[in-house]
């Protein structure tokens, strides 16, 4: 998450980086994605921004990330990860993040 924030401060187009994250199926990539969603969910939903104050000067990057998170594909990746790793302690976090993204898709507020 810190790495993405640092990149977002100097690069305007985060799509190549988000694409790599999207295509990575490792448990750690899915877990970091779930953590990112859960940490930022309220700010995304209510204020259309990310939690960290470092993002405030990178509005274009924030918009790209939020739009990316709202893609059904991202939620589906978390759901697939839940079923793939359902016997692991972090599986519940994947399911929670998928649920959050489901509601963001259905009921956009920001």
C-alpha atoms as a PDB file:
ATOM      1  CA  UNK A   1       0.000   0.000   0.000  1.00  0.00           C
ATOM      2  CA  UNK A   2       2.825   2.376   0.845  1.00  0.00           C
ATOM      3  CA  UNK A   3       4.525   1.496  -2.411  1.00  0.00           C
ATOM      4  CA  UNK A   4       1.392   2.331  -4.422  1.00  0.00           C
ATOM      5  CA  UNK A   5       1.061   5.620  -2.564  1.00  0.00           C
ATOM      6  CA  UNK A   6       4.677   6.526  -3.326  1.00  0.00           C
ATOM      7  CA  UNK A   7       4.234   5.668  -7.000  1.00  0.00           C
ATOM      8  CA  UNK A   8       0.994   7.648  -7.096  1.00  0.00           C
ATOM      9  CA  UNK A   9       2.851  10.762  -5.980  1.00  0.00           C
ATOM     10  CA  UNK A  10       5.118  10.754  -9.042  1.00  0.00           C
ATOM     11  CA  UNK A  11       3.233   8.855 -11.751  1.00  0.00           C
ATOM     12  CA  UNK A  12      -0.120  10.040 -13.043  1.00  0.00           C
ATOM     13  CA  UNK A  13      -1.155   6.801 -14.751  1.00  0.00           C
ATOM     14  CA  UNK A  14      -1.362   3.982 -12.227  1.00  0.00           C
ATOM     15  CA  UNK A  15      -3.149   1.594 -14.587  1.00  0.00           C
ATOM     16  CA  UNK A  16      -0.023  -0.482 -15.397  1.00  0.00           C
ATOM     17  CA  UNK A  17       0.649  -0.984 -11.687  1.00  0.00           C
ATOM     18  CA  UNK A  18      -2.983  -1.763 -10.890  1.00  0.00           C
ATOM     19  CA  UNK A  19      -3.044  -4.226 -13.773  1.00  0.00           C
ATOM     20  CA  UNK A  20      -0.101  -6.135 -12.307  1.00  0.00           C
ATOM     21  CA  UNK A  21      -1.797  -6.208  -8.903  1.00  0.00           C
ATOM     22  CA  UNK A  22      -5.041  -7.334 -10.518  1.00  0.00           C
ATOM     23  CA  UNK A  23      -3.360 -10.253 -12.277  1.00  0.00           C
ATOM     24  CA  UNK A  24      -1.370 -11.481  -9.279  1.00  0.00           C
ATOM     25  CA  UNK A  25      -3.037 -14.403  -7.520  1.00  0.00           C
ATOM     26  CA  UNK A  26      -0.615 -14.863  -4.658  1.00  0.00           C
ATOM     27  CA  UNK A  27      -2.050 -14.947  -1.153  1.00  0.00           C
ATOM     28  CA  UNK A  28      -0.019 -11.883  -0.177  1.00  0.00           C
ATOM     29  CA  UNK A  29      -1.297  -9.819  -3.151  1.00  0.00           C
ATOM     30  CA  UNK A  30      -4.892 -10.741  -2.317  1.00  0.00           C
ATOM     31  CA  UNK A  31      -4.398 -10.045   1.379  1.00  0.00           C
ATOM     32  CA  UNK A  32      -2.865  -6.617   0.714  1.00  0.00           C
ATOM     33  CA  UNK A  33      -5.730  -5.832  -1.658  1.00  0.00           C
ATOM     34  CA  UNK A  34      -8.265  -6.837   0.988  1.00  0.00           C
ATOM     35  CA  UNK A  35      -6.494  -4.727   3.615  1.00  0.00           C
ATOM     36  CA  UNK A  36      -6.407  -1.773   1.218  1.00  0.00           C
ATOM     37  CA  UNK A  37     -10.131  -2.073   0.557  1.00  0.00           C
ATOM     38  CA  UNK A  38     -11.061  -2.423   4.215  1.00  0.00           C
ATOM     39  CA  UNK A  39      -8.825   0.435   5.378  1.00  0.00           C
ATOM     40  CA  UNK A  40     -10.110   2.809   2.713  1.00  0.00           C
ATOM     41  CA  UNK A  41     -13.737   1.685   2.398  1.00  0.00           C
ATOM     42  CA  UNK A  42     -15.375   4.379   4.488  1.00  0.00           C
ATOM     43  CA  UNK A  43     -13.345   7.206   2.926  1.00  0.00           C
ATOM     44  CA  UNK A  44     -14.015   5.890  -0.565  1.00  0.00           C
ATOM     45  CA  UNK A  45     -17.706   5.438   0.057  1.00  0.00           C
ATOM     46  CA  UNK A  46     -18.459   8.631   1.949  1.00  0.00           C
ATOM     47  CA  UNK A  47     -15.835  11.065   0.644  1.00  0.00           C
ATOM     48  CA  UNK A  48     -14.638   9.573  -2.669  1.00  0.00           C
ATOM     49  CA  UNK A  49     -11.025   9.645  -1.475  1.00  0.00           C
ATOM     50  CA  UNK A  50      -8.388   7.402   0.089  1.00  0.00           C
ATOM     51  CA  UNK A  51      -7.611   7.420   3.780  1.00  0.00           C
ATOM     52  CA  UNK A  52      -3.978   8.545   3.751  1.00  0.00           C
ATOM     53  CA  UNK A  53      -3.388  12.305   3.639  1.00  0.00           C
ATOM     54  CA  UNK A  54      -0.533  11.663   1.190  1.00  0.00           C
ATOM     55  CA  UNK A  55      -3.112  11.000  -1.521  1.00  0.00           C
ATOM     56  CA  UNK A  56      -4.616  14.488  -1.261  1.00  0.00           C
ATOM     57  CA  UNK A  57      -2.126  15.908  -3.784  1.00  0.00           C
ATOM     58  CA  UNK A  58      -2.594  13.047  -6.251  1.00  0.00           C
ATOM     59  CA  UNK A  59      -6.277  13.334  -7.136  1.00  0.00           C
ATOM     60  CA  UNK A  60      -5.909  11.760 -10.607  1.00  0.00           C
ATOM     61  CA  UNK A  61      -4.273   8.691  -9.053  1.00  0.00           C
ATOM     62  CA  UNK A  62      -6.984   8.447  -6.410  1.00  0.00           C
ATOM     63  CA  UNK A  63      -9.672   8.559  -9.075  1.00  0.00           C
ATOM     64  CA  UNK A  64      -7.970   5.761 -11.019  1.00  0.00           C
ATOM     65  CA  UNK A  65      -7.674   3.587  -7.916  1.00  0.00           C
ATOM     66  CA  UNK A  66     -11.289   4.102  -6.866  1.00  0.00           C
ATOM     67  CA  UNK A  67     -12.575   3.383 -10.368  1.00  0.00           C
ATOM     68  CA  UNK A  68     -10.389   0.268 -10.471  1.00  0.00           C
ATOM     69  CA  UNK A  69     -11.647  -0.956  -7.101  1.00  0.00           C
ATOM     70  CA  UNK A  70     -15.231  -0.544  -8.286  1.00  0.00           C
ATOM     71  CA  UNK A  71     -14.692  -2.879 -11.233  1.00  0.00           C
ATOM     72  CA  UNK A  72     -16.585  -6.165 -10.720  1.00  0.00           C
ATOM     73  CA  UNK A  73     -13.380  -7.994 -11.676  1.00  0.00           C
ATOM     74  CA  UNK A  74     -11.625  -6.827  -8.501  1.00  0.00           C
ATOM     75  CA  UNK A  75     -14.433  -8.081  -6.280  1.00  0.00           C
ATOM     76  CA  UNK A  76     -14.439 -11.348  -8.214  1.00  0.00           C
ATOM     77  CA  UNK A  77     -10.681 -11.765  -7.621  1.00  0.00           C
ATOM     78  CA  UNK A  78     -11.242 -11.452  -3.886  1.00  0.00           C
ATOM     79  CA  UNK A  79     -14.130 -13.913  -4.001  1.00  0.00           C
ATOM     80  CA  UNK A  80     -12.042 -16.409  -5.965  1.00  0.00           C
ATOM     81  CA  UNK A  81      -9.248 -15.930  -3.443  1.00  0.00           C
ATOM     82  CA  UNK A  82     -11.639 -16.648  -0.606  1.00  0.00           C
ATOM     83  CA  UNK A  83     -12.646 -19.984  -2.106  1.00  0.00           C
ATOM     84  CA  UNK A  84      -9.060 -20.851  -3.037  1.00  0.00           C
ATOM     85  CA  UNK A  85      -7.754 -20.089   0.466  1.00  0.00           C
ATOM     86  CA  UNK A  86     -10.870 -20.701   2.558  1.00  0.00           C
ATOM     87  CA  UNK A  87      -8.920 -22.836   5.015  1.00  0.00           C
ATOM     88  CA  UNK A  88      -6.429 -20.020   5.713  1.00  0.00           C
ATOM     89  CA  UNK A  89      -6.825 -17.516   8.560  1.00  0.00           C
ATOM     90  CA  UNK A  90      -6.974 -14.563   6.156  1.00  0.00           C
ATOM     91  CA  UNK A  91      -9.881 -15.929   4.076  1.00  0.00           C
ATOM     92  CA  UNK A  92     -12.474 -14.020   6.105  1.00  0.00           C
ATOM     93  CA  UNK A  93     -10.694 -10.762   5.294  1.00  0.00           C
ATOM     94  CA  UNK A  94     -10.938 -11.563   1.573  1.00  0.00           C
ATOM     95  CA  UNK A  95     -14.679 -12.201   1.950  1.00  0.00           C
ATOM     96  CA  UNK A  96     -15.210  -8.979   3.923  1.00  0.00           C
ATOM     97  CA  UNK A  97     -13.387  -6.922   1.307  1.00  0.00           C
ATOM     98  CA  UNK A  98     -15.379  -8.576  -1.486  1.00  0.00           C
ATOM     99  CA  UNK A  99     -18.602  -7.707   0.360  1.00  0.00           C
ATOM    100  CA  UNK A 100     -17.519  -4.078   0.725  1.00  0.00           C
ATOM    101  CA  UNK A 101     -16.774  -3.843  -2.992  1.00  0.00           C
ATOM    102  CA  UNK A 102     -20.113  -5.474  -3.786  1.00  0.00           C
ATOM    103  CA  UNK A 103     -21.938  -2.739  -1.877  1.00  0.00           C
ATOM    104  CA  UNK A 104     -19.800  -0.018  -3.447  1.00  0.00           C
ATOM    105  CA  UNK A 105     -20.717  -1.338  -6.890  1.00  0.00           C
ATOM    106  CA  UNK A 106     -24.419  -1.435  -6.091  1.00  0.00           C
ATOM    107  CA  UNK A 107     -24.726   1.739  -4.076  1.00  0.00           C
ATOM    108  CA  UNK A 108     -22.127   4.317  -5.115  1.00  0.00           C
ATOM    109  CA  UNK A 109     -22.273   7.337  -2.862  1.00  0.00           C
ATOM    110  CA  UNK A 110     -19.024   9.347  -3.157  1.00  0.00           C
END
